[in-house]
Amino acid sequence: MKVTKISMIIAIIIGIVFLFIIPSAKQTLYFLPLIIIVNIIRIWEKAVNNNNQTKH
């Protein structure tokens, strides 16, 4: 699956926010939620792409 520029920007912003909010000792605890967020974004992008294809 290709990664769009929008998803890259969102991922970078989320990553920077997490780095500033969470101390480095706790980052491993928040790694799993980050994976879940990325998967949700991918599923959402698939849905958006499918909707765009059906409209045209």
N, C-alpha and C. Protein backbone atom coordinates (compact mmCIF):
# COMPACT_ATOMS: atom_id res chain seq x y z
N MET A 1 0.85 -1.19 0.00
CA MET A 1 0.00 0.00 0.00
C MET A 1 0.89 1.25 0.00
N LYS A 2 0.57 2.18 -0.87
CA LYS A 2 1.38 3.40 -0.93
C LYS A 2 1.03 4.34 0.22
N VAL A 3 2.02 5.06 0.70
CA VAL A 3 1.82 6.02 1.78
C VAL A 3 1.69 7.41 1.16
N THR A 4 0.59 8.08 1.47
CA THR A 4 0.37 9.41 0.91
C THR A 4 1.12 10.45 1.73
N LYS A 5 1.32 11.63 1.13
CA LYS A 5 2.01 12.73 1.83
C LYS A 5 1.25 13.15 3.08
N ILE A 6 -0.10 13.14 3.00
CA ILE A 6 -0.91 13.56 4.15
C ILE A 6 -0.66 12.63 5.33
N SER A 7 -0.66 11.32 5.08
CA SER A 7 -0.46 10.37 6.18
C SER A 7 0.95 10.50 6.76
N MET A 8 1.95 10.79 5.90
CA MET A 8 3.31 11.00 6.39
C MET A 8 3.37 12.21 7.32
N ILE A 9 2.71 13.32 6.92
CA ILE A 9 2.70 14.53 7.73
C ILE A 9 2.03 14.25 9.07
N ILE A 10 0.86 13.56 9.03
CA ILE A 10 0.14 13.22 10.26
C ILE A 10 1.03 12.37 11.17
N ALA A 11 1.69 11.35 10.58
CA ALA A 11 2.54 10.45 11.37
C ALA A 11 3.70 11.21 12.00
N ILE A 12 4.32 12.12 11.25
CA ILE A 12 5.45 12.90 11.77
C ILE A 12 4.99 13.80 12.92
N ILE A 13 3.84 14.47 12.74
CA ILE A 13 3.32 15.36 13.79
C ILE A 13 3.02 14.56 15.05
N ILE A 14 2.32 13.40 14.89
CA ILE A 14 2.01 12.56 16.04
C ILE A 14 3.30 12.11 16.73
N GLY A 15 4.29 11.71 15.93
CA GLY A 15 5.56 11.26 16.49
C GLY A 15 6.26 12.35 17.29
N ILE A 16 6.29 13.57 16.74
CA ILE A 16 6.94 14.69 17.44
C ILE A 16 6.21 15.00 18.74
N VAL A 17 4.87 15.03 18.68
CA VAL A 17 4.07 15.31 19.88
C VAL A 17 4.35 14.27 20.95
N PHE A 18 4.35 12.97 20.55
CA PHE A 18 4.62 11.90 21.51
C PHE A 18 6.01 12.04 22.10
N LEU A 19 7.02 12.40 21.28
CA LEU A 19 8.39 12.53 21.78
C LEU A 19 8.48 13.62 22.85
N PHE A 20 7.74 14.73 22.65
CA PHE A 20 7.82 15.83 23.62
C PHE A 20 7.01 15.55 24.87
N ILE A 21 5.85 14.89 24.72
CA ILE A 21 4.96 14.66 25.86
C ILE A 21 5.47 13.54 26.75
N ILE A 22 5.95 12.45 26.14
CA ILE A 22 6.28 11.24 26.88
C ILE A 22 7.79 11.18 27.16
N PRO A 23 8.18 11.00 28.42
CA PRO A 23 9.60 10.79 28.73
C PRO A 23 10.11 9.52 28.05
N SER A 24 11.40 9.48 27.75
CA SER A 24 11.97 8.38 26.98
C SER A 24 11.77 7.03 27.67
N ALA A 25 11.70 7.02 29.01
CA ALA A 25 11.53 5.77 29.73
C ALA A 25 10.16 5.15 29.46
N LYS A 26 9.17 6.00 29.20
CA LYS A 26 7.80 5.51 29.00
C LYS A 26 7.46 5.29 27.53
N GLN A 27 8.35 5.64 26.62
CA GLN A 27 8.03 5.56 25.19
C GLN A 27 7.67 4.15 24.76
N THR A 28 8.33 3.14 25.35
CA THR A 28 8.04 1.76 24.95
C THR A 28 6.61 1.38 25.31
N LEU A 29 6.08 1.93 26.41
CA LEU A 29 4.71 1.63 26.81
C LEU A 29 3.71 2.20 25.81
N TYR A 30 4.06 3.30 25.16
CA TYR A 30 3.15 3.95 24.21
C TYR A 30 3.41 3.53 22.77
N PHE A 31 4.32 2.56 22.58
CA PHE A 31 4.65 2.12 21.22
C PHE A 31 3.48 1.36 20.61
N LEU A 32 2.81 0.52 21.43
CA LEU A 32 1.68 -0.27 20.94
C LEU A 32 0.52 0.63 20.49
N PRO A 33 0.09 1.61 21.30
CA PRO A 33 -0.95 2.54 20.82
C PRO A 33 -0.57 3.24 19.52
N LEU A 34 0.71 3.58 19.34
CA LEU A 34 1.15 4.22 18.10
C LEU A 34 0.94 3.29 16.91
N ILE A 35 1.24 1.99 17.09
CA ILE A 35 1.02 1.02 16.02
C ILE A 35 -0.46 0.96 15.69
N ILE A 36 -1.31 0.96 16.73
CA ILE A 36 -2.76 0.90 16.52
C ILE A 36 -3.22 2.14 15.76
N ILE A 37 -2.71 3.33 16.13
CA ILE A 37 -3.08 4.57 15.45
C ILE A 37 -2.69 4.51 13.98
N VAL A 38 -1.48 4.01 13.70
CA VAL A 38 -1.02 3.91 12.31
C VAL A 38 -1.93 2.98 11.52
N ASN A 39 -2.32 1.85 12.13
CA ASN A 39 -3.20 0.91 11.45
C ASN A 39 -4.56 1.53 11.18
N ILE A 40 -5.08 2.31 12.14
CA ILE A 40 -6.37 2.99 11.95
C ILE A 40 -6.26 3.96 10.79
N ILE A 41 -5.16 4.72 10.72
CA ILE A 41 -4.96 5.67 9.62
C ILE A 41 -4.92 4.94 8.29
N ARG A 42 -4.25 3.78 8.23
CA ARG A 42 -4.16 3.00 6.99
C ARG A 42 -5.54 2.52 6.56
N ILE A 43 -6.32 2.00 7.52
CA ILE A 43 -7.67 1.51 7.21
C ILE A 43 -8.53 2.67 6.71
N TRP A 44 -8.41 3.84 7.36
CA TRP A 44 -9.18 5.01 6.97
C TRP A 44 -8.80 5.46 5.56
N GLU A 45 -7.50 5.43 5.27
CA GLU A 45 -7.03 5.81 3.93
C GLU A 45 -7.58 4.86 2.87
N LYS A 46 -7.60 3.55 3.18
CA LYS A 46 -8.16 2.58 2.24
C LYS A 46 -9.61 2.91 1.95
N ALA A 47 -10.38 3.23 2.99
CA ALA A 47 -11.79 3.57 2.82
C ALA A 47 -11.94 4.82 1.96
N VAL A 48 -11.11 5.83 2.22
CA VAL A 48 -11.17 7.08 1.45
C VAL A 48 -10.81 6.80 -0.01
N ASN A 49 -9.77 6.00 -0.24
CA ASN A 49 -9.36 5.67 -1.60
C ASN A 49 -10.45 4.92 -2.34
N ASN A 50 -11.12 3.99 -1.66
CA ASN A 50 -12.21 3.24 -2.28
C ASN A 50 -13.37 4.16 -2.62
N ASN A 51 -13.67 5.10 -1.73
CA ASN A 51 -14.75 6.05 -2.00
C ASN A 51 -14.41 6.93 -3.19
N ASN A 52 -13.17 7.37 -3.29
CA ASN A 52 -12.75 8.21 -4.41
C ASN A 52 -12.84 7.45 -5.73
N GLN A 53 -12.50 6.17 -5.71
CA GLN A 53 -12.55 5.38 -6.94
C GLN A 53 -13.98 5.18 -7.40
N THR A 54 -14.92 4.98 -6.47
CA THR A 54 -16.30 4.73 -6.85
C THR A 54 -16.97 6.01 -7.37
N LYS A 55 -16.51 7.16 -6.91
CA LYS A 55 -17.12 8.42 -7.35
C LYS A 55 -16.79 8.72 -8.81
N HIS A 56 -15.57 8.38 -9.24
CA HIS A 56 -15.15 8.74 -10.61
C HIS A 56 -15.73 7.84 -11.64
